[in-house]
Structures are given as C-alpha cells and as structure tokens.
Protein backbone atom coordinates (compact mmCIF):
# COMPACT_ATOMS: atom_id res chain seq x y z
CA MET A 1 -7.07 17.57 3.07
CA ILE A 2 -6.20 13.80 2.45
CA ALA A 3 -8.39 11.87 0.10
CA ILE A 4 -9.03 8.30 0.95
CA VAL A 5 -10.00 6.50 -2.18
CA ASP A 6 -13.36 4.76 -1.75
CA TYR A 7 -13.49 1.87 -4.33
CA LYS A 8 -16.05 -0.19 -2.28
CA ALA A 9 -13.29 -2.08 -0.15
CA GLY A 10 -13.37 -2.67 3.64
CA ASN A 11 -11.06 -0.99 6.08
CA LEU A 12 -11.34 2.62 4.86
CA THR A 13 -12.93 3.84 8.02
CA SER A 14 -10.06 2.42 10.14
CA VAL A 15 -7.67 4.41 8.15
CA GLN A 16 -9.80 7.59 8.57
CA ARG A 17 -10.01 7.13 12.29
CA ALA A 18 -6.22 6.65 12.44
CA LEU A 19 -5.74 9.85 10.64
CA GLU A 20 -8.26 11.71 12.95
CA PHE A 21 -6.46 10.40 15.99
CA LEU A 22 -3.21 11.82 14.55
CA GLY A 23 -5.07 15.23 13.77
CA HIS A 24 -5.07 15.08 10.06
CA LYS A 25 -8.29 15.89 8.11
CA SER A 26 -9.47 13.49 5.49
CA GLU A 27 -12.48 12.37 3.48
CA ILE A 28 -13.49 9.03 2.12
CA THR A 29 -14.48 9.72 -1.57
CA ASP A 30 -14.93 7.89 -4.97
CA ARG A 31 -15.31 11.48 -6.73
CA ALA A 32 -12.40 12.19 -9.21
CA GLU A 33 -12.67 15.85 -8.68
CA ARG A 34 -12.19 15.40 -4.92
CA ILE A 35 -9.21 13.20 -5.34
CA VAL A 36 -7.62 15.67 -7.77
CA ALA A 37 -8.09 18.66 -5.44
CA ALA A 38 -6.75 16.79 -2.37
CA ASP A 39 -3.20 17.65 -0.86
CA ARG A 40 -2.45 13.89 -0.76
CA VAL A 41 -4.11 10.71 -1.45
CA ILE A 42 -4.34 7.19 0.34
CA LEU A 43 -5.32 3.93 -1.38
CA PRO A 44 -5.85 1.49 1.38
CA GLY A 45 -8.27 -1.45 1.77
CA VAL A 46 -8.52 -5.25 1.74
CA GLY A 47 -9.64 -7.44 -1.15
CA ALA A 48 -8.52 -9.05 -4.36
CA ALA A 49 -6.63 -7.39 -7.16
CA GLY A 50 -9.25 -8.14 -9.76
CA ALA A 51 -12.17 -6.86 -7.85
CA THR A 52 -10.24 -3.80 -6.92
CA MET A 53 -9.22 -2.98 -10.42
CA GLU A 54 -12.73 -3.52 -11.68
CA ASN A 55 -14.21 -1.11 -9.19
CA LEU A 56 -11.47 1.47 -9.77
CA ARG A 57 -12.30 1.25 -13.72
CA ALA A 58 -16.08 1.36 -12.93
CA LEU A 59 -15.56 4.69 -10.96
CA GLY A 60 -13.37 6.18 -13.65
CA LEU A 61 -10.39 6.36 -11.23
CA VAL A 62 -7.66 4.47 -13.01
CA ASP A 63 -6.36 7.39 -15.09
CA VAL A 64 -7.02 9.76 -12.12
CA LEU A 65 -4.57 7.80 -9.89
CA ARG A 66 -2.07 7.27 -12.59
CA ASN A 67 -2.10 10.86 -14.13
CA ASP A 68 -3.52 13.32 -11.60
CA VAL A 69 -2.05 11.70 -8.58
CA ALA A 70 1.08 9.65 -9.27
CA ARG A 71 2.52 11.51 -12.29
CA ALA A 72 1.47 14.81 -11.07
CA GLY A 73 3.60 14.43 -8.03
CA LYS A 74 0.82 14.35 -5.46
CA PRO A 75 1.91 12.38 -2.20
CA PHE A 76 0.33 8.97 -2.75
CA LEU A 77 0.30 6.16 -0.24
CA GLY A 78 -0.86 2.56 -0.97
CA ILE A 79 -1.74 0.24 1.89
CA CYS A 80 -2.14 -3.56 1.63
CA ILE A 81 -4.03 -4.08 -1.67
CA GLY A 82 -3.14 -0.54 -2.34
CA ILE A 83 0.56 -1.46 -2.80
CA GLN A 84 -0.26 -4.52 -5.01
CA VAL A 85 -2.50 -2.64 -7.50
CA LEU A 86 0.42 -0.15 -8.10
CA PHE A 87 2.23 -2.73 -10.02
CA ASP A 88 1.83 -3.81 -13.67
CA ARG A 89 0.09 -7.06 -13.08
CA SER A 90 -0.96 -9.62 -10.31
CA GLU A 91 -1.19 -13.27 -10.44
CA GLU A 92 -4.33 -12.80 -8.34
CA ASP A 93 -7.09 -12.93 -10.83
CA SER A 94 -4.52 -12.35 -13.50
CA ALA A 95 -5.35 -8.86 -12.96
CA GLU A 96 -3.75 -5.92 -15.05
CA CYS A 97 -3.14 -3.22 -12.52
CA LEU A 98 -2.32 0.40 -12.53
CA GLY A 99 1.27 0.15 -13.81
CA ILE A 100 2.46 3.03 -11.61
CA ILE A 101 5.49 0.93 -10.53
CA ALA A 102 7.10 -1.53 -12.95
CA GLY A 103 6.84 -5.04 -11.55
CA ARG A 104 4.41 -7.85 -10.70
CA VAL A 105 2.65 -9.39 -7.78
CA ALA A 106 3.17 -13.16 -6.88
CA ARG A 107 1.42 -15.69 -4.65
CA TYR A 108 3.37 -16.97 -1.62
CA PRO A 109 4.49 -20.45 -2.31
CA ARG A 110 2.39 -23.10 -1.05
CA SER A 111 5.23 -25.09 0.49
CA ILE A 112 8.83 -24.60 1.45
CA ASP A 113 11.10 -27.58 1.25
CA GLY A 114 8.14 -29.86 1.32
CA ARG A 115 6.60 -28.18 4.35
CA PRO A 116 3.30 -26.49 3.87
CA LEU A 117 3.35 -22.81 4.16
CA LYS A 118 0.18 -21.21 5.58
CA VAL A 119 -1.38 -18.63 3.22
CA PRO A 120 -2.41 -15.99 3.79
CA GLN A 121 0.19 -14.57 6.08
CA ILE A 122 -1.74 -13.22 9.07
CA GLY A 123 0.05 -11.52 12.04
CA TRP A 124 3.10 -9.65 12.82
CA ASN A 125 6.33 -9.67 11.11
CA ARG A 126 9.58 -7.80 11.35
CA VAL A 127 10.38 -5.41 8.68
CA ARG A 128 14.00 -4.50 7.60
CA GLN A 129 14.31 -0.76 6.55
CA ARG A 130 16.14 0.93 3.81
CA ALA A 131 16.76 4.61 4.69
CA HIS A 132 13.57 6.65 3.86
CA ARG A 133 11.90 9.71 5.41
CA VAL A 134 8.56 7.69 5.96
CA PHE A 135 10.47 5.56 8.46
CA ALA A 136 11.74 8.51 10.53
CA GLY A 137 11.60 7.70 14.11
CA VAL A 138 10.71 4.08 13.62
CA PRO A 139 13.44 1.50 14.60
CA ASP A 140 14.74 -0.90 12.04
CA ASN A 141 13.25 -4.44 12.45
CA THR A 142 10.03 -3.18 13.96
CA HIS A 143 7.10 -5.42 13.77
CA PHE A 144 4.11 -4.54 11.66
CA TYR A 145 0.86 -6.39 10.90
CA PHE A 146 0.33 -8.27 7.69
CA VAL A 147 -2.77 -10.01 5.99
CA ASN A 148 -1.66 -11.06 2.62
CA SER A 149 -1.69 -14.04 0.18
CA TYR A 150 0.44 -12.29 -2.50
CA TYR A 151 3.44 -10.02 -2.35
CA PRO A 152 4.96 -7.37 -4.76
CA ILE A 153 8.15 -7.94 -6.86
CA PRO A 154 9.51 -4.52 -8.21
CA ASP A 155 11.45 -4.58 -11.38
CA ASP A 156 13.94 -2.15 -9.84
CA PRO A 157 14.95 -3.58 -6.35
CA ALA A 158 16.28 -0.25 -5.37
CA LEU A 159 12.57 0.91 -4.99
CA ALA A 160 12.14 -1.55 -2.02
CA ILE A 161 12.53 0.46 1.27
CA GLY A 162 11.14 -2.45 3.48
CA ALA A 163 11.75 -6.18 3.29
CA CYS A 164 10.41 -9.27 5.14
CA ASP A 165 10.60 -13.02 5.10
CA TYR A 166 7.64 -15.43 4.89
CA GLY A 167 8.73 -18.61 3.34
CA VAL A 168 10.62 -16.39 0.75
CA PRO A 169 12.13 -12.88 1.18
CA PHE A 170 9.75 -10.30 -0.12
CA THR A 171 9.23 -6.59 -0.63
CA ALA A 172 7.22 -5.16 2.29
CA ALA A 173 7.36 -1.45 1.26
CA VAL A 174 8.30 0.65 -1.74
CA ALA A 175 8.97 4.22 -2.63
CA ARG A 176 9.39 6.25 -5.73
CA ASP A 177 9.37 9.93 -5.65
CA ASN A 178 5.93 10.84 -4.41
CA VAL A 179 4.56 7.29 -4.36
CA ILE A 180 5.02 5.26 -1.13
CA ALA A 181 3.31 1.91 -0.46
CA THR A 182 3.39 -0.72 2.39
CA GLN A 183 2.28 -4.33 2.24
CA PHE A 184 1.45 -4.15 5.95
CA HIS A 185 -1.57 -2.39 7.48
CA LEU A 186 -0.26 0.84 9.03
CA GLU A 187 -3.68 1.39 10.74
CA LYS A 188 -3.37 -2.07 12.48
CA SER A 189 0.31 -1.68 13.48
CA GLY A 190 0.09 0.01 16.79
CA THR A 191 2.36 3.01 17.49
CA ALA A 192 4.86 2.14 14.83
CA GLY A 193 2.20 2.13 12.05
CA LEU A 194 0.65 5.37 13.27
CA LYS A 195 4.08 6.92 13.19
CA LEU A 196 4.53 6.01 9.51
CA LEU A 197 1.08 7.20 8.59
CA ASP A 198 1.91 10.65 10.38
CA ASN A 199 5.31 10.68 8.63
CA PHE A 200 3.50 10.37 5.22
CA CYS A 201 1.11 13.08 6.12
CA ARG A 202 3.90 15.48 6.93
CA LEU A 203 6.06 14.56 4.00
CA SER A 204 6.67 17.59 1.46
CA GLY A 205 7.87 17.30 -2.13
C-alpha cells in the first residue's frame, strides 16, 4: 500500500488516479499510523512552503516523515512542494522545513540581464538526467511539466539527479538513499511522468 500524505493541499487525487491507472493501490491519509504502516509514501501537492509546514505540524506528521519514513528507509517520494519542504528552509514564507535533505529553497530571479523573468514557471521544460533507477526507460532531456516560483538548492550537488534551466540552472530532481523528489509534476507529465511514478513504486531497497 502507498500512503499519499494528506496535508490539506490540492492535487492529491490526481496522484491517486495516476497510481490507480498504473495498477498500484494507494490511500490518501493524514493518519500517522497509516503512513507508518505503508510500504511507501508520497508527499505531493501544490501550495506554499509555510502553509505546508504549518499543516504538517498541526497534523503531527513532521516527525513521522523525518523519522518513521525518511530515516527508517521507507521509499519516500516528494512531488512539487513535496521536494521543497524536504530541505532545511525556504525563502517562501521564511519557512523552516523538514530538514531531511540539507539545503535551501530560493525564489527564481525577477529578471535576467535586465529582462523580466516570468514567475512562476508554468509549462514544459527539458530535464537533464543523472543516472538513477527512477529514470529507467525515460530518455535524457525528456520534457516534464512544472509550476513553480521557487527551486531547491541541495548543499551536496551530487544529490541532484535532474537539472533544468529557467533563467538560472536549477535542480529539478534529487535522490538520497530511499528519498526521491521531483520539482516537476509526475502526474501531469504524460507518459514520461507516469513511467517515473511507476519506477518509484517498483523500486526496492
């Protein structure tokens, strides 16, 4: 069973429908015991870092995600805001985040060389891959769908398994042991996004 963490964000049902299409059983839950009992955990959604962390704290899920999921070795996937709150802190709302991956989240610049940069980034962008099992069967430089105003900066660049450019080069996907996360929406990225989601659901150890 896959637990989709319900922290009162949008887009959770889209992820569940994608999992159902792929033949994987899941439930949307905010119950700590269900998340702990799950075989793997997905933290998806849209929204702001501050509100996301506030809701996770109110639900008593911060330590569950840190200790019973990430540190316990359970396969853990973050999507969109789910990648950003894995880091130590975010410029959005000056939020203190989960601290599962060392680093920070910064806002895209407002302009590049005097030219305004449209923020948020909305649309398809090409992702350069670093070899990782979650990308199995997905060609390098495949396009994925993004909706973001902020982007993650891991302290250890070796954790970046996907990179993009939007005004500046940025990390689009990270992986450390059992923790994998993408800045782009797997559930909105067509065949390639579904393939990555399926790969995560089939990863072992």
